[in-house]
C-alpha cells in the first residue's frame, strides 16, 4: 500500500517535500498498523472465529489477543481524540485511515468491545458513510457480518461464522 501510494503519487501519502511532518506521521502510523493493530486483531479473530469454532478452544490465546487488540484500539481512540480533524492525522484522509479502518470496523468480528471508545465509533461511522470506503468493503466480495449489527442480520452473522471457519484447516502438532 505504501509503495503503491508513493509510486503513483497518491494524495493518501503526503509527499515529504510538501509536508515532512505529515509524511512521517503517516508512515509511522501505517507501520504501527502493520506491526500492532493488524496482527492483534487478526489473531483475536482467528482464535475465536476459526480455531474455537473448529474445536480448538484456547482461552489463554483468546484472552491474550483480545487484550492486545483492546490496547491497540484504545491507543487509536486516543489518537483520534487528539486529532485536529475528522481523520486520524487531522483534516486529510491518509493511508492510515485506509489501512486501519477495516480492522477497527471489524472489532465485532474479533469480539473486542469498543462501545466505550466514542472517538473510534464516530470515526468508523464516518468512514462507513464515505462511498470509497463502503465500496472498498465489498471488494473482492462483501462480508457485512464482519461488522456486526446493523450491517448484517443475526442470521447472516451465524452463516458467516460457519462459512468462514469452514474454509480454514486447524493444524495441531504435538510437542516434541
N, C-alpha and C. Protein backbone atom coordinates (compact mmCIF):
# COMPACT_ATOMS: atom_id res chain seq x y z
N UNK A 1 0.83 -1.18 0.00
CA UNK A 1 0.00 0.00 0.00
C UNK A 1 0.88 1.25 0.00
N UNK A 2 1.87 1.25 0.88
CA UNK A 2 2.77 2.41 0.95
C UNK A 2 3.54 2.57 -0.37
N UNK A 3 4.03 1.45 -0.90
CA UNK A 3 4.78 1.51 -2.15
C UNK A 3 3.90 2.06 -3.28
N UNK A 4 2.68 1.52 -3.41
CA UNK A 4 1.79 1.98 -4.48
C UNK A 4 1.46 3.46 -4.35
N UNK A 5 1.20 3.89 -3.12
CA UNK A 5 0.87 5.31 -2.91
C UNK A 5 2.05 6.20 -3.28
N UNK A 6 3.26 5.77 -2.93
CA UNK A 6 4.45 6.56 -3.27
C UNK A 6 4.72 6.51 -4.77
N UNK A 7 4.61 5.33 -5.34
CA UNK A 7 4.92 5.12 -6.76
C UNK A 7 3.99 5.92 -7.67
N UNK A 8 2.71 5.98 -7.29
CA UNK A 8 1.73 6.65 -8.14
C UNK A 8 1.30 8.01 -7.59
N UNK A 9 2.10 8.54 -6.67
CA UNK A 9 1.88 9.89 -6.11
C UNK A 9 0.45 10.09 -5.61
N UNK A 10 -0.03 9.13 -4.83
CA UNK A 10 -1.38 9.23 -4.27
C UNK A 10 -1.42 10.30 -3.19
N UNK A 11 -2.54 11.00 -3.13
CA UNK A 11 -2.72 12.02 -2.08
C UNK A 11 -2.84 11.37 -0.70
N UNK A 12 -3.01 10.06 -0.65
CA UNK A 12 -3.12 9.36 0.63
C UNK A 12 -1.79 9.28 1.37
N UNK A 13 -0.69 9.48 0.66
CA UNK A 13 0.63 9.55 1.28
C UNK A 13 1.20 10.94 0.99
N UNK A 14 1.06 11.85 1.94
CA UNK A 14 1.54 13.22 1.71
C UNK A 14 3.02 13.23 1.33
N UNK A 15 3.38 13.95 0.29
CA UNK A 15 4.78 13.99 -0.13
C UNK A 15 5.68 14.63 0.93
N UNK A 16 6.85 14.05 1.11
CA UNK A 16 7.79 14.56 2.12
C UNK A 16 8.22 15.99 1.82
N UNK A 17 8.31 16.35 0.54
CA UNK A 17 8.76 17.70 0.21
C UNK A 17 7.67 18.76 0.39
N UNK A 18 6.42 18.32 0.59
CA UNK A 18 5.33 19.28 0.84
C UNK A 18 5.02 19.41 2.33
N UNK A 19 5.04 18.29 3.05
CA UNK A 19 4.73 18.32 4.48
C UNK A 19 5.44 17.14 5.13
N UNK A 20 6.70 17.38 5.52
CA UNK A 20 7.53 16.31 6.05
C UNK A 20 6.93 15.70 7.32
N UNK A 21 6.39 16.53 8.20
CA UNK A 21 5.83 16.01 9.45
C UNK A 21 4.65 15.09 9.18
N UNK A 22 3.73 15.51 8.32
CA UNK A 22 2.57 14.67 8.00
C UNK A 22 3.00 13.40 7.26
N UNK A 23 3.98 13.52 6.38
CA UNK A 23 4.51 12.36 5.67
C UNK A 23 5.05 11.32 6.66
N UNK A 24 5.85 11.77 7.61
CA UNK A 24 6.45 10.86 8.59
C UNK A 24 5.42 10.31 9.57
N UNK A 25 4.47 11.14 9.98
CA UNK A 25 3.40 10.65 10.85
C UNK A 25 2.57 9.58 10.15
N UNK A 26 2.30 9.78 8.87
CA UNK A 26 1.55 8.80 8.10
C UNK A 26 2.31 7.48 8.06
N UNK A 27 3.59 7.53 7.76
CA UNK A 27 4.39 6.30 7.70
C UNK A 27 4.49 5.64 9.08
N UNK A 28 4.66 6.44 10.12
CA UNK A 28 4.76 5.90 11.48
C UNK A 28 3.48 5.15 11.85
N UNK A 29 2.32 5.76 11.64
CA UNK A 29 1.05 5.13 11.99
C UNK A 29 0.73 3.95 11.07
N UNK A 30 1.14 4.03 9.82
CA UNK A 30 0.94 2.92 8.90
C UNK A 30 1.76 1.71 9.35
N UNK A 31 2.99 1.95 9.76
CA UNK A 31 3.84 0.85 10.24
C UNK A 31 3.31 0.30 11.56
N UNK A 32 2.71 1.14 12.40
CA UNK A 32 2.07 0.67 13.63
C UNK A 32 0.90 -0.25 13.30
N UNK A 33 0.13 0.10 12.28
CA UNK A 33 -0.99 -0.76 11.89
C UNK A 33 -0.49 -2.13 11.48
N UNK A 34 0.59 -2.15 10.71
CA UNK A 34 1.13 -3.42 10.20
C UNK A 34 1.75 -4.25 11.32
N UNK A 35 2.33 -3.61 12.32
CA UNK A 35 3.05 -4.34 13.36
C UNK A 35 2.26 -4.57 14.64
N UNK A 36 1.17 -3.86 14.84
CA UNK A 36 0.44 -3.98 16.11
C UNK A 36 -1.06 -4.23 15.90
N UNK A 37 -1.75 -3.26 15.33
CA UNK A 37 -3.20 -3.38 15.20
C UNK A 37 -3.60 -4.57 14.34
N UNK A 38 -3.04 -4.68 13.15
CA UNK A 38 -3.41 -5.77 12.24
C UNK A 38 -3.17 -7.15 12.83
N UNK A 39 -1.96 -7.42 13.32
CA UNK A 39 -1.71 -8.75 13.88
C UNK A 39 -2.57 -9.08 15.11
N UNK A 40 -2.76 -8.12 16.01
CA UNK A 40 -3.55 -8.43 17.21
C UNK A 40 -5.01 -8.68 16.86
N UNK A 41 -5.57 -7.88 15.96
CA UNK A 41 -6.95 -8.11 15.55
C UNK A 41 -7.07 -9.42 14.78
N UNK A 42 -6.11 -9.69 13.91
CA UNK A 42 -6.13 -10.94 13.15
C UNK A 42 -6.07 -12.16 14.05
N UNK A 43 -5.22 -12.12 15.06
CA UNK A 43 -5.12 -13.27 15.98
C UNK A 43 -6.37 -13.39 16.85
N UNK A 44 -6.92 -12.27 17.30
CA UNK A 44 -8.17 -12.33 18.08
C UNK A 44 -9.28 -12.96 17.24
N UNK A 45 -9.36 -12.56 15.98
CA UNK A 45 -10.36 -13.14 15.08
C UNK A 45 -10.10 -14.62 14.85
N UNK A 46 -8.85 -14.98 14.58
CA UNK A 46 -8.53 -16.37 14.28
C UNK A 46 -8.89 -17.30 15.45
N UNK A 47 -8.44 -16.96 16.64
CA UNK A 47 -8.65 -17.87 17.77
C UNK A 47 -10.11 -17.99 18.19
N UNK A 48 -10.93 -16.98 17.85
CA UNK A 48 -12.34 -17.04 18.22
C UNK A 48 -13.25 -17.49 17.08
N UNK A 49 -12.97 -17.03 15.88
CA UNK A 49 -13.88 -17.28 14.76
C UNK A 49 -13.49 -18.47 13.89
N UNK A 50 -12.28 -18.97 14.07
CA UNK A 50 -11.85 -20.12 13.27
C UNK A 50 -11.48 -21.27 14.19
N UNK A 51 -10.41 -21.10 14.98
CA UNK A 51 -9.94 -22.21 15.81
C UNK A 51 -11.01 -22.68 16.79
N UNK A 52 -11.62 -21.77 17.51
CA UNK A 52 -12.63 -22.15 18.51
C UNK A 52 -13.83 -22.84 17.86
N UNK A 53 -14.28 -22.31 16.73
CA UNK A 53 -15.42 -22.90 16.02
C UNK A 53 -15.07 -24.30 15.53
N UNK A 54 -13.79 -24.52 15.23
CA UNK A 54 -13.33 -25.82 14.74
C UNK A 54 -12.89 -26.75 15.87
N UNK A 55 -13.20 -26.39 17.12
CA UNK A 55 -12.93 -27.27 18.25
C UNK A 55 -11.61 -27.05 18.94
N UNK A 56 -10.87 -26.02 18.59
CA UNK A 56 -9.58 -25.72 19.21
C UNK A 56 -9.72 -24.48 20.09
N UNK A 57 -10.35 -24.64 21.24
CA UNK A 57 -10.60 -23.52 22.14
C UNK A 57 -9.37 -23.30 23.02
N UNK A 58 -8.74 -22.17 22.90
CA UNK A 58 -7.55 -21.83 23.68
C UNK A 58 -7.80 -20.53 24.43
N UNK A 59 -8.36 -20.62 25.65
CA UNK A 59 -8.71 -19.40 26.41
C UNK A 59 -7.52 -18.47 26.64
N UNK A 60 -6.32 -19.02 26.83
CA UNK A 60 -5.15 -18.17 27.03
C UNK A 60 -4.88 -17.31 25.79
N UNK A 61 -4.86 -17.94 24.62
CA UNK A 61 -4.60 -17.19 23.37
C UNK A 61 -5.71 -16.19 23.10
N UNK A 62 -6.96 -16.60 23.32
CA UNK A 62 -8.08 -15.69 23.10
C UNK A 62 -7.96 -14.46 24.00
N UNK A 63 -7.72 -14.69 25.30
CA UNK A 63 -7.58 -13.58 26.24
C UNK A 63 -6.41 -12.67 25.91
N UNK A 64 -5.29 -13.28 25.53
CA UNK A 64 -4.09 -12.51 25.21
C UNK A 64 -4.34 -11.59 24.02
N UNK A 65 -4.92 -12.12 22.96
CA UNK A 65 -5.09 -11.30 21.76
C UNK A 65 -6.26 -10.34 21.86
N UNK A 66 -7.29 -10.66 22.62
CA UNK A 66 -8.34 -9.67 22.86
C UNK A 66 -7.75 -8.49 23.64
N UNK A 67 -6.96 -8.79 24.67
CA UNK A 67 -6.36 -7.72 25.48
C UNK A 67 -5.45 -6.84 24.62
N UNK A 68 -4.66 -7.45 23.75
CA UNK A 68 -3.76 -6.66 22.90
C UNK A 68 -4.54 -5.85 21.87
N UNK A 69 -5.58 -6.45 21.31
CA UNK A 69 -6.42 -5.72 20.36
C UNK A 69 -7.10 -4.54 21.05
N UNK A 70 -7.60 -4.74 22.26
CA UNK A 70 -8.22 -3.64 23.01
C UNK A 70 -7.21 -2.54 23.29
N UNK A 71 -6.00 -2.93 23.67
CA UNK A 71 -4.95 -1.93 23.93
C UNK A 71 -4.68 -1.09 22.69
N UNK A 72 -4.56 -1.75 21.54
CA UNK A 72 -4.31 -1.04 20.29
C UNK A 72 -5.48 -0.12 19.93
N UNK A 73 -6.70 -0.62 20.09
CA UNK A 73 -7.87 0.19 19.75
C UNK A 73 -8.03 1.36 20.71
N UNK A 74 -7.68 1.19 21.97
CA UNK A 74 -7.69 2.33 22.91
C UNK A 74 -6.66 3.38 22.48
N UNK A 75 -5.48 2.93 22.07
CA UNK A 75 -4.46 3.86 21.58
C UNK A 75 -5.00 4.64 20.38
N UNK A 76 -5.68 3.93 19.49
CA UNK A 76 -6.21 4.57 18.29
C UNK A 76 -7.32 5.55 18.66
N UNK A 77 -8.18 5.19 19.61
CA UNK A 77 -9.23 6.09 20.08
C UNK A 77 -8.61 7.37 20.65
N UNK A 78 -7.53 7.24 21.40
CA UNK A 78 -6.84 8.41 21.96
C UNK A 78 -6.21 9.26 20.85
N UNK A 79 -5.68 8.60 19.83
CA UNK A 79 -5.11 9.33 18.69
C UNK A 79 -6.21 10.13 17.99
N UNK A 80 -7.36 9.51 17.81
CA UNK A 80 -8.48 10.23 17.18
C UNK A 80 -8.95 11.39 18.05
N UNK A 81 -8.95 11.19 19.37
CA UNK A 81 -9.36 12.26 20.28
C UNK A 81 -8.45 13.47 20.18
N UNK A 82 -7.17 13.23 19.91
CA UNK A 82 -6.21 14.34 19.84
C UNK A 82 -6.08 14.91 18.42
N UNK A 83 -6.76 14.33 17.46
CA UNK A 83 -6.68 14.80 16.07
C UNK A 83 -7.34 16.16 15.93
N UNK A 84 -6.82 16.94 15.00
CA UNK A 84 -7.38 18.27 14.75
C UNK A 84 -8.46 18.25 13.67
N UNK A 85 -8.87 17.08 13.26
CA UNK A 85 -9.89 16.97 12.22
C UNK A 85 -10.61 15.64 12.29
N UNK A 86 -11.39 15.34 11.31
CA UNK A 86 -12.19 14.11 11.34
C UNK A 86 -11.38 12.85 11.05
N UNK A 87 -10.16 13.02 10.50
CA UNK A 87 -9.34 11.87 10.16
C UNK A 87 -8.26 11.66 11.21
N UNK A 88 -7.57 10.55 11.13
CA UNK A 88 -6.59 10.21 12.15
C UNK A 88 -5.54 11.30 12.33
N UNK A 89 -5.06 11.85 11.24
CA UNK A 89 -3.99 12.85 11.32
C UNK A 89 -4.48 14.25 10.95
N UNK A 90 -5.73 14.52 11.23
CA UNK A 90 -6.25 15.87 11.00
C UNK A 90 -7.31 15.96 9.93
N UNK A 91 -7.15 16.97 9.07
CA UNK A 91 -8.16 17.27 8.06
C UNK A 91 -8.04 16.41 6.80
N UNK A 92 -6.93 15.70 6.67
CA UNK A 92 -6.63 15.00 5.43
C UNK A 92 -6.75 13.49 5.62
N UNK A 93 -7.44 12.84 4.72
CA UNK A 93 -7.53 11.38 4.72
C UNK A 93 -6.21 10.83 4.19
N UNK A 94 -5.58 9.96 4.96
CA UNK A 94 -4.29 9.39 4.57
C UNK A 94 -4.38 7.86 4.54
N UNK A 95 -3.27 7.25 4.17
CA UNK A 95 -3.19 5.78 4.17
C UNK A 95 -3.51 5.19 5.54
N UNK A 96 -3.27 5.93 6.60
CA UNK A 96 -3.55 5.44 7.94
C UNK A 96 -5.04 5.12 8.08
N UNK A 97 -5.88 5.99 7.60
CA UNK A 97 -7.33 5.75 7.65
C UNK A 97 -7.69 4.52 6.84
N UNK A 98 -7.12 4.41 5.65
CA UNK A 98 -7.42 3.29 4.76
C UNK A 98 -6.96 1.96 5.36
N UNK A 99 -5.75 1.95 5.92
CA UNK A 99 -5.19 0.71 6.47
C UNK A 99 -5.84 0.29 7.78
N UNK A 100 -6.20 1.23 8.61
CA UNK A 100 -6.74 0.89 9.93
C UNK A 100 -8.24 0.64 9.92
N UNK A 101 -8.96 1.26 9.01
CA UNK A 101 -10.42 1.16 9.01
C UNK A 101 -10.96 -0.27 9.01
N UNK A 102 -10.52 -1.15 8.12
CA UNK A 102 -11.13 -2.50 8.14
C UNK A 102 -10.92 -3.23 9.45
N UNK A 103 -9.77 -3.05 10.08
CA UNK A 103 -9.51 -3.71 11.36
C UNK A 103 -10.36 -3.12 12.48
N UNK A 104 -10.43 -1.81 12.53
CA UNK A 104 -11.23 -1.16 13.57
C UNK A 104 -12.72 -1.45 13.39
N UNK A 105 -13.18 -1.37 12.15
CA UNK A 105 -14.60 -1.59 11.87
C UNK A 105 -15.02 -3.02 12.13
N UNK A 106 -14.08 -3.96 12.08
CA UNK A 106 -14.42 -5.36 12.31
C UNK A 106 -14.13 -5.80 13.75
N UNK A 107 -14.10 -4.87 14.67
CA UNK A 107 -13.91 -5.22 16.08
C UNK A 107 -14.99 -6.20 16.54
N UNK A 108 -16.19 -6.06 15.99
CA UNK A 108 -17.26 -7.00 16.31
C UNK A 108 -16.81 -8.43 16.02
N UNK A 109 -16.21 -8.64 14.86
CA UNK A 109 -15.81 -9.98 14.43
C UNK A 109 -14.71 -10.54 15.34
N UNK A 110 -13.90 -9.67 15.91
CA UNK A 110 -12.85 -10.09 16.83
C UNK A 110 -13.34 -10.19 18.27
N UNK A 111 -14.62 -9.91 18.48
CA UNK A 111 -15.21 -9.90 19.83
C UNK A 111 -14.48 -8.94 20.77
N UNK A 112 -14.12 -7.79 20.23
CA UNK A 112 -13.46 -6.76 21.02
C UNK A 112 -14.48 -5.65 21.24
N UNK A 113 -14.71 -5.33 22.50
CA UNK A 113 -15.72 -4.33 22.86
C UNK A 113 -15.15 -2.92 22.69
N UNK A 114 -15.74 -2.18 21.78
CA UNK A 114 -15.30 -0.79 21.56
C UNK A 114 -16.39 0.20 21.95
N UNK A 115 -17.40 -0.26 22.68
CA UNK A 115 -18.55 0.59 23.00
C UNK A 115 -18.18 1.85 23.80
N UNK A 116 -17.08 1.82 24.54
CA UNK A 116 -16.67 2.98 25.33
C UNK A 116 -15.69 3.88 24.58
N UNK A 117 -15.36 3.53 23.33
CA UNK A 117 -14.39 4.29 22.54
C UNK A 117 -15.14 5.22 21.59
N UNK A 118 -15.60 6.34 22.12
CA UNK A 118 -16.50 7.21 21.37
C UNK A 118 -15.86 7.81 20.12
N UNK A 119 -14.60 8.17 20.18
CA UNK A 119 -13.94 8.76 19.01
C UNK A 119 -13.77 7.72 17.91
N UNK A 120 -13.44 6.51 18.32
CA UNK A 120 -13.29 5.42 17.36
C UNK A 120 -14.63 5.09 16.71
N UNK A 121 -15.68 5.01 17.50
CA UNK A 121 -17.01 4.70 16.96
C UNK A 121 -17.47 5.77 15.96
N UNK A 122 -17.24 7.03 16.28
CA UNK A 122 -17.64 8.12 15.38
C UNK A 122 -16.83 8.06 14.08
N UNK A 123 -15.54 7.77 14.20
CA UNK A 123 -14.67 7.67 13.02
C UNK A 123 -15.10 6.51 12.12
N UNK A 124 -15.40 5.36 12.74
CA UNK A 124 -15.86 4.20 11.96
C UNK A 124 -17.14 4.54 11.22
N UNK A 125 -18.08 5.15 11.90
CA UNK A 125 -19.35 5.51 11.27
C UNK A 125 -19.14 6.50 10.13
N UNK A 126 -18.28 7.49 10.36
CA UNK A 126 -18.00 8.48 9.31
C UNK A 126 -17.42 7.79 8.06
N UNK A 127 -16.48 6.89 8.25
CA UNK A 127 -15.85 6.24 7.11
C UNK A 127 -16.80 5.24 6.43
N UNK A 128 -17.67 4.59 7.20
CA UNK A 128 -18.68 3.72 6.59
C UNK A 128 -19.57 4.51 5.62
N UNK A 129 -19.77 5.81 5.90
CA UNK A 129 -20.63 6.65 5.06
C UNK A 129 -19.93 7.16 3.80
N UNK A 130 -18.62 7.08 3.75
CA UNK A 130 -17.88 7.56 2.58
C UNK A 130 -17.96 6.52 1.47
N UNK A 131 -18.36 6.92 0.27
CA UNK A 131 -18.51 5.94 -0.83
C UNK A 131 -17.27 5.11 -1.12
N UNK A 132 -16.10 5.73 -1.08
CA UNK A 132 -14.88 4.97 -1.40
C UNK A 132 -14.61 3.89 -0.36
N UNK A 133 -14.90 4.16 0.90
CA UNK A 133 -14.68 3.17 1.96
C UNK A 133 -15.75 2.08 1.89
N UNK A 134 -17.01 2.46 1.71
CA UNK A 134 -18.06 1.44 1.65
C UNK A 134 -17.89 0.55 0.42
N UNK A 135 -17.42 1.11 -0.69
CA UNK A 135 -17.15 0.29 -1.88
C UNK A 135 -15.98 -0.65 -1.61
N UNK A 136 -14.94 -0.15 -0.97
CA UNK A 136 -13.78 -0.98 -0.66
C UNK A 136 -14.12 -2.20 0.17
N UNK A 137 -15.12 -2.09 1.01
CA UNK A 137 -15.52 -3.22 1.85
C UNK A 137 -16.26 -4.30 1.07
N UNK A 138 -16.56 -4.05 -0.18
CA UNK A 138 -17.25 -5.06 -0.99
C UNK A 138 -16.30 -5.77 -1.95
N UNK A 139 -15.03 -5.42 -1.90
CA UNK A 139 -14.06 -6.00 -2.84
C UNK A 139 -13.14 -6.99 -2.13
N UNK A 140 -12.88 -8.15 -2.62
CA UNK A 140 -13.45 -8.71 -3.85
C UNK A 140 -14.91 -9.14 -3.68
N UNK A 141 -15.39 -9.27 -2.44
CA UNK A 141 -16.80 -9.52 -2.20
C UNK A 141 -17.15 -9.01 -0.81
N UNK A 142 -18.42 -8.81 -0.58
CA UNK A 142 -18.90 -8.21 0.66
C UNK A 142 -19.00 -9.24 1.78
N UNK A 143 -18.61 -8.84 2.98
CA UNK A 143 -18.76 -9.66 4.18
C UNK A 143 -19.31 -8.79 5.31
N UNK A 144 -20.57 -8.38 5.21
CA UNK A 144 -21.12 -7.46 6.20
C UNK A 144 -21.15 -8.04 7.62
N UNK A 145 -21.16 -9.36 7.76
CA UNK A 145 -21.19 -9.96 9.09
C UNK A 145 -19.96 -9.60 9.91
N UNK A 146 -18.86 -9.30 9.24
CA UNK A 146 -17.64 -8.93 9.96
C UNK A 146 -17.84 -7.66 10.78
N UNK A 147 -18.81 -6.84 10.39
CA UNK A 147 -19.03 -5.56 11.05
C UNK A 147 -20.22 -5.58 12.01
N UNK A 148 -20.89 -6.73 12.11
CA UNK A 148 -21.98 -6.89 13.06
C UNK A 148 -23.22 -6.09 12.70
N UNK A 149 -24.09 -5.96 13.68
CA UNK A 149 -25.31 -5.18 13.51
C UNK A 149 -24.93 -3.70 13.42
N UNK A 150 -25.52 -2.90 12.64
CA UNK A 150 -26.68 -3.08 11.77
C UNK A 150 -26.30 -3.47 10.34
N UNK A 151 -25.05 -3.81 10.12
CA UNK A 151 -24.58 -4.10 8.76
C UNK A 151 -24.99 -5.49 8.28
N UNK A 152 -25.33 -6.37 9.22
CA UNK A 152 -25.76 -7.73 8.87
C UNK A 152 -26.83 -8.18 9.86
N UNK A 153 -27.66 -9.10 9.43
CA UNK A 153 -28.68 -9.66 10.31
C UNK A 153 -28.06 -10.76 11.17
N UNK A 154 -28.70 -11.12 12.28
CA UNK A 154 -28.18 -12.24 13.09
C UNK A 154 -28.02 -13.53 12.27
N UNK A 155 -28.93 -13.77 11.35
CA UNK A 155 -28.84 -14.97 10.52
C UNK A 155 -27.62 -14.91 9.60
N UNK A 156 -27.36 -13.75 9.02
CA UNK A 156 -26.18 -13.59 8.16
C UNK A 156 -24.89 -13.78 8.96
N UNK A 157 -24.90 -13.29 10.19
CA UNK A 157 -23.72 -13.42 11.05
C UNK A 157 -23.45 -14.89 11.36
N UNK A 158 -24.49 -15.63 11.75
CA UNK A 158 -24.32 -17.06 12.05
C UNK A 158 -23.85 -17.84 10.83
N UNK A 159 -24.40 -17.53 9.68
CA UNK A 159 -23.99 -18.21 8.44
C UNK A 159 -22.53 -17.90 8.11
N UNK A 160 -22.11 -16.66 8.34
CA UNK A 160 -20.73 -16.28 8.06
C UNK A 160 -19.75 -16.95 9.02
N UNK A 161 -20.15 -17.11 10.28
CA UNK A 161 -19.28 -17.80 11.24
C UNK A 161 -18.98 -19.20 10.74
N UNK A 162 -20.00 -19.92 10.32
CA UNK A 162 -19.81 -21.29 9.83
C UNK A 162 -19.02 -21.31 8.53
N UNK A 163 -19.36 -20.43 7.61
CA UNK A 163 -18.68 -20.39 6.31
C UNK A 163 -17.21 -20.03 6.48
N UNK A 164 -16.95 -19.02 7.29
CA UNK A 164 -15.59 -18.55 7.49
C UNK A 164 -14.71 -19.64 8.11
N UNK A 165 -15.19 -20.25 9.18
CA UNK A 165 -14.41 -21.29 9.85
C UNK A 165 -14.22 -22.51 8.96
N UNK A 166 -15.18 -22.78 8.10
CA UNK A 166 -15.11 -23.95 7.23
C UNK A 166 -14.06 -23.87 6.15
N UNK A 167 -13.56 -22.69 5.87
CA UNK A 167 -12.57 -22.56 4.79
C UNK A 167 -11.13 -22.67 5.29
N UNK A 168 -10.94 -22.89 6.59
CA UNK A 168 -9.60 -22.99 7.14
C UNK A 168 -9.41 -24.34 7.82
N UNK A 169 -8.22 -24.85 7.76
CA UNK A 169 -7.86 -26.07 8.48
C UNK A 169 -7.12 -25.66 9.74
N UNK A 170 -7.43 -26.30 10.85
CA UNK A 170 -6.71 -26.08 12.09
C UNK A 170 -5.72 -27.22 12.23
N UNK A 171 -4.45 -26.88 12.18
CA UNK A 171 -3.40 -27.90 12.22
C UNK A 171 -2.73 -27.84 13.58
N UNK A 172 -2.72 -28.96 14.27
CA UNK A 172 -2.09 -29.03 15.57
C UNK A 172 -0.96 -30.04 15.52
N UNK A 173 0.16 -29.71 16.09
CA UNK A 173 1.27 -30.63 16.20
C UNK A 173 1.51 -30.90 17.68
N UNK A 174 1.78 -32.13 17.99
CA UNK A 174 2.10 -32.49 19.36
C UNK A 174 3.50 -31.99 19.68
N UNK A 175 3.69 -31.51 20.92
CA UNK A 175 5.04 -31.07 21.30
C UNK A 175 6.02 -32.23 21.18
N UNK A 176 7.23 -31.94 20.73
CA UNK A 176 8.25 -32.99 20.56
C UNK A 176 8.85 -33.40 21.86
